[in-house]
Amino acid sequence: MNYELIAFALFALLTLASAVGVVLMQDPWHSALLLGVALLSVAIHYVMLAAEFVAMMQVLVYVGGVLVLITFAVMLTQRDESDTDEVVQA
């Protein structure tokens, strides 16, 4: 069996598993982290296709930009558990 085929199958499985995890996770923080894993594994697929420039743009734009934006949005909009307990008790 060819090593490239084994590597492709492993990263394809990683991509699919993390994409399914993005959709099924309840916590937005874990969903954002799994989105980063999915985007990085897509960049690895680009490297396997000998498209290194596209892979670097994938990492810089999507992982570096979009994922950081999603992370800040999750951090700024997520409510603290102690805040909701105080509202319920009052």
PDB file of N, CA and C in Angstrom:
ATOM      1  N   MET A   1       0.838  -1.179   0.000  1.00  0.00           N
ATOM      2  CA  MET A   1       0.000   0.000   0.000  1.00  0.00           C
ATOM      3  C   MET A   1       0.884   1.244   0.000  1.00  0.00           C
ATOM      4  N   ASN A   2       0.439   2.268  -0.645  1.00  0.00           N
ATOM      5  CA  ASN A   2       1.202   3.493  -0.803  1.00  0.00           C
ATOM      6  C   ASN A   2       1.061   4.372   0.447  1.00  0.00           C
ATOM      7  N   TYR A   3       2.170   4.965   0.908  1.00  0.00           N
ATOM      8  CA  TYR A   3       2.141   5.806   2.098  1.00  0.00           C
ATOM      9  C   TYR A   3       1.345   7.085   1.875  1.00  0.00           C
ATOM     10  N   GLU A   4       1.348   7.612   0.674  1.00  0.00           N
ATOM     11  CA  GLU A   4       0.560   8.807   0.378  1.00  0.00           C
ATOM     12  C   GLU A   4      -0.927   8.530   0.525  1.00  0.00           C
ATOM     13  N   LEU A   5      -1.345   7.340   0.097  1.00  0.00           N
ATOM     14  CA  LEU A   5      -2.753   6.970   0.225  1.00  0.00           C
ATOM     15  C   LEU A   5      -3.148   6.808   1.693  1.00  0.00           C
ATOM     16  N   ILE A   6      -2.259   6.245   2.497  1.00  0.00           N
ATOM     17  CA  ILE A   6      -2.538   6.094   3.923  1.00  0.00           C
ATOM     18  C   ILE A   6      -2.622   7.464   4.598  1.00  0.00           C
ATOM     19  N   ALA A   7      -1.695   8.352   4.264  1.00  0.00           N
ATOM     20  CA  ALA A   7      -1.712   9.696   4.847  1.00  0.00           C
ATOM     21  C   ALA A   7      -2.959  10.456   4.414  1.00  0.00           C
ATOM     22  N   PHE A   8      -3.327  10.327   3.141  1.00  0.00           N
ATOM     23  CA  PHE A   8      -4.540  10.993   2.660  1.00  0.00           C
ATOM     24  C   PHE A   8      -5.769  10.472   3.393  1.00  0.00           C
ATOM     25  N   ALA A   9      -5.855   9.164   3.578  1.00  0.00           N
ATOM     26  CA  ALA A   9      -7.011   8.582   4.263  1.00  0.00           C
ATOM     27  C   ALA A   9      -7.083   9.039   5.716  1.00  0.00           C
ATOM     28  N   LEU A  10      -5.936   9.108   6.390  1.00  0.00           N
ATOM     29  CA  LEU A  10      -5.933   9.553   7.786  1.00  0.00           C
ATOM     30  C   LEU A  10      -6.355  11.019   7.916  1.00  0.00           C
ATOM     31  N   PHE A  11      -5.824  11.875   7.050  1.00  0.00           N
ATOM     32  CA  PHE A  11      -6.194  13.276   7.134  1.00  0.00           C
ATOM     33  C   PHE A  11      -7.613  13.521   6.641  1.00  0.00           C
ATOM     34  N   ALA A  12      -8.090  12.713   5.710  1.00  0.00           N
ATOM     35  CA  ALA A  12      -9.491  12.832   5.296  1.00  0.00           C
ATOM     36  C   ALA A  12     -10.415  12.437   6.438  1.00  0.00           C
ATOM     37  N   LEU A  13     -10.053  11.384   7.165  1.00  0.00           N
ATOM     38  CA  LEU A  13     -10.838  10.971   8.329  1.00  0.00           C
ATOM     39  C   LEU A  13     -10.798  12.039   9.413  1.00  0.00           C
ATOM     40  N   LEU A  14      -9.634  12.643   9.631  1.00  0.00           N
ATOM     41  CA  LEU A  14      -9.513  13.724  10.607  1.00  0.00           C
ATOM     42  C   LEU A  14     -10.359  14.929  10.202  1.00  0.00           C
ATOM     43  N   THR A  15     -10.352  15.258   8.922  1.00  0.00           N
ATOM     44  CA  THR A  15     -11.145  16.383   8.432  1.00  0.00           C
ATOM     45  C   THR A  15     -12.631  16.128   8.636  1.00  0.00           C
ATOM     46  N   LEU A  16     -13.084  14.952   8.257  1.00  0.00           N
ATOM     47  CA  LEU A  16     -14.508  14.638   8.399  1.00  0.00           C
ATOM     48  C   LEU A  16     -14.933  14.562   9.861  1.00  0.00           C
ATOM     49  N   ALA A  17     -14.104  13.961  10.698  1.00  0.00           N
ATOM     50  CA  ALA A  17     -14.453  13.830  12.111  1.00  0.00           C
ATOM     51  C   ALA A  17     -14.514  15.198  12.795  1.00  0.00           C
ATOM     52  N   SER A  18     -13.569  16.065  12.493  1.00  0.00           N
ATOM     53  CA  SER A  18     -13.596  17.383  13.115  1.00  0.00           C
ATOM     54  C   SER A  18     -14.730  18.243  12.560  1.00  0.00           C
ATOM     55  N   ALA A  19     -15.075  18.081  11.290  1.00  0.00           N
ATOM     56  CA  ALA A  19     -16.212  18.827  10.730  1.00  0.00           C
ATOM     57  C   ALA A  19     -17.527  18.378  11.359  1.00  0.00           C
ATOM     58  N   VAL A  20     -17.668  17.085  11.584  1.00  0.00           N
ATOM     59  CA  VAL A  20     -18.862  16.592  12.272  1.00  0.00           C
ATOM     60  C   VAL A  20     -18.871  17.083  13.717  1.00  0.00           C
ATOM     61  N   GLY A  21     -17.706  17.126  14.342  1.00  0.00           N
ATOM     62  CA  GLY A  21     -17.614  17.640  15.707  1.00  0.00           C
ATOM     63  C   GLY A  21     -17.979  19.107  15.806  1.00  0.00           C
ATOM     64  N   VAL A  22     -17.662  19.899  14.776  1.00  0.00           N
ATOM     65  CA  VAL A  22     -18.034  21.314  14.760  1.00  0.00           C
ATOM     66  C   VAL A  22     -19.553  21.455  14.834  1.00  0.00           C
ATOM     67  N   VAL A  23     -20.245  20.616  14.108  1.00  0.00           N
ATOM     68  CA  VAL A  23     -21.701  20.717  14.051  1.00  0.00           C
ATOM     69  C   VAL A  23     -22.351  20.167  15.316  1.00  0.00           C
ATOM     70  N   LEU A  24     -21.797  19.110  15.883  1.00  0.00           N
ATOM     71  CA  LEU A  24     -22.453  18.422  16.980  1.00  0.00           C
ATOM     72  C   LEU A  24     -22.074  18.920  18.375  1.00  0.00           C
ATOM     73  N   MET A  25     -21.028  19.715  18.506  1.00  0.00           N
ATOM     74  CA  MET A  25     -20.611  20.190  19.818  1.00  0.00           C
ATOM     75  C   MET A  25     -21.614  21.191  20.384  1.00  0.00           C
ATOM     76  N   GLN A  26     -21.855  21.094  21.686  1.00  0.00           N
ATOM     77  CA  GLN A  26     -22.750  22.032  22.362  1.00  0.00           C
ATOM     78  C   GLN A  26     -22.019  23.324  22.746  1.00  0.00           C
ATOM     79  N   ASP A  27     -20.754  23.202  23.121  1.00  0.00           N
ATOM     80  CA  ASP A  27     -19.967  24.348  23.562  1.00  0.00           C
ATOM     81  C   ASP A  27     -19.377  25.064  22.348  1.00  0.00           C
ATOM     82  N   PRO A  28     -19.625  26.364  22.186  1.00  0.00           N
ATOM     83  CA  PRO A  28     -19.086  27.072  21.022  1.00  0.00           C
ATOM     84  C   PRO A  28     -17.562  27.139  21.008  1.00  0.00           C
ATOM     85  N   TRP A  29     -16.929  27.141  22.176  1.00  0.00           N
ATOM     86  CA  TRP A  29     -15.465  27.178  22.228  1.00  0.00           C
ATOM     87  C   TRP A  29     -14.873  25.909  21.636  1.00  0.00           C
ATOM     88  N   HIS A  30     -15.402  24.751  22.024  1.00  0.00           N
ATOM     89  CA  HIS A  30     -14.901  23.493  21.472  1.00  0.00           C
ATOM     90  C   HIS A  30     -15.224  23.374  19.987  1.00  0.00           C
ATOM     91  N   SER A  31     -16.348  23.906  19.589  1.00  0.00           N
ATOM     92  CA  SER A  31     -16.695  23.907  18.170  1.00  0.00           C
ATOM     93  C   SER A  31     -15.711  24.751  17.366  1.00  0.00           C
ATOM     94  N   ALA A  32     -15.289  25.889  17.902  1.00  0.00           N
ATOM     95  CA  ALA A  32     -14.310  26.739  17.222  1.00  0.00           C
ATOM     96  C   ALA A  32     -12.954  26.049  17.136  1.00  0.00           C
ATOM     97  N   LEU A  33     -12.566  25.338  18.193  1.00  0.00           N
ATOM     98  CA  LEU A  33     -11.297  24.604  18.153  1.00  0.00           C
ATOM     99  C   LEU A  33     -11.329  23.481  17.114  1.00  0.00           C
ATOM    100  N   LEU A  34     -12.437  22.785  17.038  1.00  0.00           N
ATOM    101  CA  LEU A  34     -12.551  21.730  16.023  1.00  0.00           C
ATOM    102  C   LEU A  34     -12.593  22.311  14.608  1.00  0.00           C
ATOM    103  N   LEU A  35     -13.138  23.519  14.467  1.00  0.00           N
ATOM    104  CA  LEU A  35     -13.096  24.182  13.167  1.00  0.00           C
ATOM    105  C   LEU A  35     -11.652  24.472  12.774  1.00  0.00           C
ATOM    106  N   GLY A  36     -10.830  24.855  13.742  1.00  0.00           N
ATOM    107  CA  GLY A  36      -9.405  25.068  13.468  1.00  0.00           C
ATOM    108  C   GLY A  36      -8.718  23.794  13.037  1.00  0.00           C
ATOM    109  N   VAL A  37      -9.056  22.683  13.660  1.00  0.00           N
ATOM    110  CA  VAL A  37      -8.481  21.385  13.264  1.00  0.00           C
ATOM    111  C   VAL A  37      -8.907  21.034  11.838  1.00  0.00           C
ATOM    112  N   ALA A  38     -10.169  21.269  11.521  1.00  0.00           N
ATOM    113  CA  ALA A  38     -10.660  20.971  10.172  1.00  0.00           C
ATOM    114  C   ALA A  38      -9.964  21.838   9.126  1.00  0.00           C
ATOM    115  N   LEU A  39      -9.792  23.119   9.423  1.00  0.00           N
ATOM    116  CA  LEU A  39      -9.135  24.010   8.458  1.00  0.00           C
ATOM    117  C   LEU A  39      -7.658  23.676   8.296  1.00  0.00           C
ATOM    118  N   LEU A  40      -6.992  23.297   9.372  1.00  0.00           N
ATOM    119  CA  LEU A  40      -5.588  22.893   9.254  1.00  0.00           C
ATOM    120  C   LEU A  40      -5.438  21.607   8.456  1.00  0.00           C
ATOM    121  N   SER A  41      -6.358  20.678   8.636  1.00  0.00           N
ATOM    122  CA  SER A  41      -6.246  19.435   7.875  1.00  0.00           C
ATOM    123  C   SER A  41      -6.550  19.662   6.392  1.00  0.00           C
ATOM    124  N   VAL A  42      -7.388  20.628   6.080  1.00  0.00           N
ATOM    125  CA  VAL A  42      -7.599  20.984   4.672  1.00  0.00           C
ATOM    126  C   VAL A  42      -6.312  21.577   4.095  1.00  0.00           C
ATOM    127  N   ALA A  43      -5.599  22.363   4.894  1.00  0.00           N
ATOM    128  CA  ALA A  43      -4.313  22.903   4.444  1.00  0.00           C
ATOM    129  C   ALA A  43      -3.309  21.775   4.184  1.00  0.00           C
ATOM    130  N   ILE A  44      -3.358  20.738   4.981  1.00  0.00           N
ATOM    131  CA  ILE A  44      -2.469  19.585   4.750  1.00  0.00           C
ATOM    132  C   ILE A  44      -2.830  18.885   3.444  1.00  0.00           C
ATOM    133  N   HIS A  45      -4.109  18.841   3.128  1.00  0.00           N
ATOM    134  CA  HIS A  45      -4.516  18.267   1.835  1.00  0.00           C
ATOM    135  C   HIS A  45      -3.951  19.090   0.679  1.00  0.00           C
ATOM    136  N   TYR A  46      -3.928  20.415   0.828  1.00  0.00           N
ATOM    137  CA  TYR A  46      -3.340  21.256  -0.211  1.00  0.00           C
ATOM    138  C   TYR A  46      -1.846  20.982  -0.363  1.00  0.00           C
ATOM    139  N   VAL A  47      -1.154  20.751   0.744  1.00  0.00           N
ATOM    140  CA  VAL A  47       0.270  20.425   0.668  1.00  0.00           C
ATOM    141  C   VAL A  47       0.461  19.103  -0.063  1.00  0.00           C
ATOM    142  N   MET A  48      -0.410  18.137   0.188  1.00  0.00           N
ATOM    143  CA  MET A  48      -0.318  16.852  -0.514  1.00  0.00           C
ATOM    144  C   MET A  48      -0.537  17.001  -2.015  1.00  0.00           C
ATOM    145  N   LEU A  49      -1.294  18.021  -2.405  1.00  0.00           N
ATOM    146  CA  LEU A  49      -1.535  18.279  -3.828  1.00  0.00           C
ATOM    147  C   LEU A  49      -0.456  19.167  -4.444  1.00  0.00           C
ATOM    148  N   ALA A  50       0.594  19.462  -3.684  1.00  0.00           N
ATOM    149  CA  ALA A  50       1.708  20.306  -4.123  1.00  0.00           C
ATOM    150  C   ALA A  50       1.254  21.732  -4.415  1.00  0.00           C
ATOM    151  N   ALA A  51       0.293  22.221  -3.642  1.00  0.00           N
ATOM    152  CA  ALA A  51      -0.172  23.598  -3.750  1.00  0.00           C
ATOM    153  C   ALA A  51       0.181  24.304  -2.443  1.00  0.00           C
ATOM    154  N   GLU A  52       1.470  24.543  -2.255  1.00  0.00           N
ATOM    155  CA  GLU A  52       1.949  25.090  -0.991  1.00  0.00           C
ATOM    156  C   GLU A  52       1.471  26.516  -0.752  1.00  0.00           C
ATOM    157  N   PHE A  53       1.377  27.311  -1.834  1.00  0.00           N
ATOM    158  CA  PHE A  53       0.909  28.684  -1.674  1.00  0.00           C
ATOM    159  C   PHE A  53      -0.534  28.716  -1.198  1.00  0.00           C
ATOM    160  N   VAL A  54      -1.365  27.876  -1.763  1.00  0.00           N
ATOM    161  CA  VAL A  54      -2.766  27.821  -1.341  1.00  0.00           C
ATOM    162  C   VAL A  54      -2.864  27.327   0.100  1.00  0.00           C
ATOM    163  N   ALA A  55      -2.002  26.397   0.478  1.00  0.00           N
ATOM    164  CA  ALA A  55      -1.996  25.898   1.855  1.00  0.00           C
ATOM    165  C   ALA A  55      -1.603  27.006   2.826  1.00  0.00           C
ATOM    166  N   MET A  56      -0.613  27.797   2.479  1.00  0.00           N
ATOM    167  CA  MET A  56      -0.207  28.898   3.361  1.00  0.00           C
ATOM    168  C   MET A  56      -1.289  29.966   3.450  1.00  0.00           C
ATOM    169  N   MET A  57      -1.970  30.243   2.355  1.00  0.00           N
ATOM    170  CA  MET A  57      -3.071  31.189   2.403  1.00  0.00           C
ATOM    171  C   MET A  57      -4.227  30.644   3.239  1.00  0.00           C
ATOM    172  N   GLN A  58      -4.448  29.350   3.174  1.00  0.00           N
ATOM    173  CA  GLN A  58      -5.469  28.708   4.013  1.00  0.00           C
ATOM    174  C   GLN A  58      -5.143  28.907   5.486  1.00  0.00           C
ATOM    175  N   VAL A  59      -3.888  28.702   5.832  1.00  0.00           N
ATOM    176  CA  VAL A  59      -3.487  28.845   7.231  1.00  0.00           C
ATOM    177  C   VAL A  59      -3.536  30.310   7.656  1.00  0.00           C
ATOM    178  N   LEU A  60      -3.027  31.201   6.824  1.00  0.00           N
ATOM    179  CA  LEU A  60      -2.991  32.614   7.206  1.00  0.00           C
ATOM    180  C   LEU A  60      -4.372  33.244   7.263  1.00  0.00           C
ATOM    181  N   VAL A  61      -5.181  33.016   6.235  1.00  0.00           N
ATOM    182  CA  VAL A  61      -6.469  33.696   6.159  1.00  0.00           C
ATOM    183  C   VAL A  61      -7.510  33.017   7.035  1.00  0.00           C
ATOM    184  N   TYR A  62      -7.685  31.726   6.871  1.00  0.00           N
ATOM    185  CA  TYR A  62      -8.775  31.060   7.575  1.00  0.00           C
ATOM    186  C   TYR A  62      -8.404  30.720   9.014  1.00  0.00           C
ATOM    187  N   VAL A  63      -7.298  30.038   9.211  1.00  0.00           N
ATOM    188  CA  VAL A  63      -6.932  29.658  10.574  1.00  0.00           C
ATOM    189  C   VAL A  63      -6.480  30.885  11.351  1.00  0.00           C
ATOM    190  N   GLY A  64      -5.689  31.723  10.738  1.00  0.00           N
ATOM    191  CA  GLY A  64      -5.172  32.887  11.440  1.00  0.00           C
ATOM    192  C   GLY A  64      -6.165  34.011  11.592  1.00  0.00           C
ATOM    193  N   GLY A  65      -7.000  34.230  10.604  1.00  0.00           N
ATOM    194  CA  GLY A  65      -7.921  35.358  10.647  1.00  0.00           C
ATOM    195  C   GLY A  65      -9.312  35.008  11.110  1.00  0.00           C
ATOM    196  N   VAL A  66      -9.943  34.137  10.389  1.00  0.00           N
ATOM    197  CA  VAL A  66     -11.339  33.808  10.667  1.00  0.00           C
ATOM    198  C   VAL A  66     -11.482  33.109  12.010  1.00  0.00           C
ATOM    199  N   LEU A  67     -10.583  32.189  12.317  1.00  0.00           N
ATOM    200  CA  LEU A  67     -10.693  31.472  13.578  1.00  0.00           C
ATOM    201  C   LEU A  67     -10.436  32.386  14.775  1.00  0.00           C
ATOM    202  N   VAL A  68      -9.525  33.340  14.640  1.00  0.00           N
ATOM    203  CA  VAL A  68      -9.299  34.299  15.716  1.00  0.00           C
ATOM    204  C   VAL A  68     -10.529  35.190  15.883  1.00  0.00           C
ATOM    205  N   LEU A  69     -11.159  35.578  14.797  1.00  0.00           N
ATOM    206  CA  LEU A  69     -12.381  36.373  14.870  1.00  0.00           C
ATOM    207  C   LEU A  69     -13.493  35.596  15.563  1.00  0.00           C
ATOM    208  N   ILE A  70     -13.660  34.331  15.226  1.00  0.00           N
ATOM    209  CA  ILE A  70     -14.671  33.494  15.878  1.00  0.00           C
ATOM    210  C   ILE A  70     -14.338  33.324  17.357  1.00  0.00           C
ATOM    211  N   THR A  71     -13.069  33.149  17.682  1.00  0.00           N
ATOM    212  CA  THR A  71     -12.661  32.991  19.075  1.00  0.00           C
ATOM    213  C   THR A  71     -12.997  34.240  19.885  1.00  0.00           C
ATOM    214  N   PHE A  72     -12.714  35.421  19.347  1.00  0.00           N
ATOM    215  CA  PHE A  72     -13.057  36.649  20.062  1.00  0.00           C
ATOM    216  C   PHE A  72     -14.562  36.806  20.188  1.00  0.00           C
ATOM    217  N   ALA A  73     -15.307  36.445  19.165  1.00  0.00           N
ATOM    218  CA  ALA A  73     -16.765  36.534  19.241  1.00  0.00           C
ATOM    219  C   ALA A  73     -17.311  35.604  20.315  1.00  0.00           C
ATOM    220  N   VAL A  74     -16.769  34.410  20.409  1.00  0.00           N
ATOM    221  CA  VAL A  74     -17.219  33.464  21.443  1.00  0.00           C
ATOM    222  C   VAL A  74     -16.853  33.986  22.827  1.00  0.00           C
ATOM    223  N   MET A  75     -15.650  34.515  22.967  1.00  0.00           N
ATOM    224  CA  MET A  75     -15.223  34.996  24.282  1.00  0.00           C
ATOM    225  C   MET A  75     -16.031  36.220  24.715  1.00  0.00           C
ATOM    226  N   LEU A  76     -16.404  37.083  23.783  1.00  0.00           N
ATOM    227  CA  LEU A  76     -17.111  38.300  24.155  1.00  0.00           C
ATOM    228  C   LEU A  76     -18.609  38.086  24.364  1.00  0.00           C
ATOM    229  N   THR A  77     -19.176  37.066  23.741  1.00  0.00           N
ATOM    230  CA  THR A  77     -20.617  36.869  23.846  1.00  0.00           C
ATOM    231  C   THR A  77     -21.014  35.773  24.819  1.00  0.00           C
ATOM    232  N   GLN A  78     -20.083  34.959  25.252  1.00  0.00           N
ATOM    233  CA  GLN A  78     -20.422  33.854  26.140  1.00  0.00           C
ATOM    234  C   GLN A  78     -20.654  34.385  27.548  1.00  0.00           C
ATOM    235  N   ARG A  79     -21.771  33.956  28.153  1.00  0.00           N
ATOM    236  CA  ARG A  79     -22.114  34.403  29.501  1.00  0.00           C
ATOM    237  C   ARG A  79     -21.394  33.553  30.523  1.00  0.00           C
ATOM    238  N   ASP A  80     -21.078  34.181  31.633  1.00  0.00           N
ATOM    239  CA  ASP A  80     -20.433  33.474  32.726  1.00  0.00           C
ATOM    240  C   ASP A  80     -21.504  32.751  33.542  1.00  0.00           C
ATOM    241  N   GLU A  81     -21.171  31.576  34.057  1.00  0.00           N
ATOM    242  CA  GLU A  81     -22.133  30.788  34.827  1.00  0.00           C
ATOM    243  C   GLU A  81     -22.552  31.509  36.106  1.00  0.00           C
ATOM    244  N   SER A  82     -21.646  32.235  36.739  1.00  0.00           N
ATOM    245  CA  SER A  82     -21.987  32.935  37.978  1.00  0.00           C
ATOM    246  C   SER A  82     -22.954  34.080  37.722  1.00  0.00           C
ATOM    247  N   ASP A  83     -22.899  34.709  36.544  1.00  0.00           N
ATOM    248  CA  ASP A  83     -23.839  35.777  36.215  1.00  0.00           C
ATOM    249  C   ASP A  83     -25.257  35.258  36.094  1.00  0.00           C
ATOM    250  N   THR A  84     -25.435  34.119  35.500  1.00  0.00           N
ATOM    251  CA  THR A  84     -26.776  33.564  35.337  1.00  0.00           C
ATOM    252  C   THR A  84     -27.332  33.063  36.653  1.00  0.00           C
ATOM    253  N   ASP A  85     -26.481  32.592  37.573  1.00  0.00           N
ATOM    254  CA  ASP A  85     -26.945  32.150  38.887  1.00  0.00           C
ATOM    255  C   ASP A  85     -27.446  33.341  39.708  1.00  0.00           C
ATOM    256  N   GLU A  86     -26.790  34.481  39.610  1.00  0.00           N
ATOM    257  CA  GLU A  86     -27.207  35.653  40.366  1.00  0.00           C
ATOM    258  C   GLU A  86     -28.540  36.181  39.865  1.00  0.00           C
ATOM    259  N   VAL A  87     -28.785  36.132  38.575  1.00  0.00           N
ATOM    260  CA  VAL A  87     -30.038  36.616  38.006  1.00  0.00           C
ATOM    261  C   VAL A  87     -31.187  35.710  38.440  1.00  0.00           C
ATOM    262  N   VAL A  88     -30.957  34.410  38.472  1.00  0.00           N
ATOM    263  CA  VAL A  88     -31.987  33.470  38.855  1.00  0.00           C
ATOM    264  C   VAL A  88     -32.315  33.616  40.341  1.00  0.00           C
ATOM    265  N   GLN A  89     -31.330  33.840  41.182  1.00  0.00           N
ATOM    266  CA  GLN A  89     -31.560  33.940  42.611  1.00  0.00           C
ATOM    267  C   GLN A  89     -32.240  35.254  43.007  1.00  0.00           C
ATOM    268  N   ALA A  90     -32.062  36.292  42.236  1.00  0.00           N
ATOM    269  CA  ALA A  90     -32.611  37.607  42.595  1.00  0.00           C
ATOM    270  C   ALA A  90     -34.086  37.729  42.373  1.00  0.00           C
TER     271      ALA A  90
END
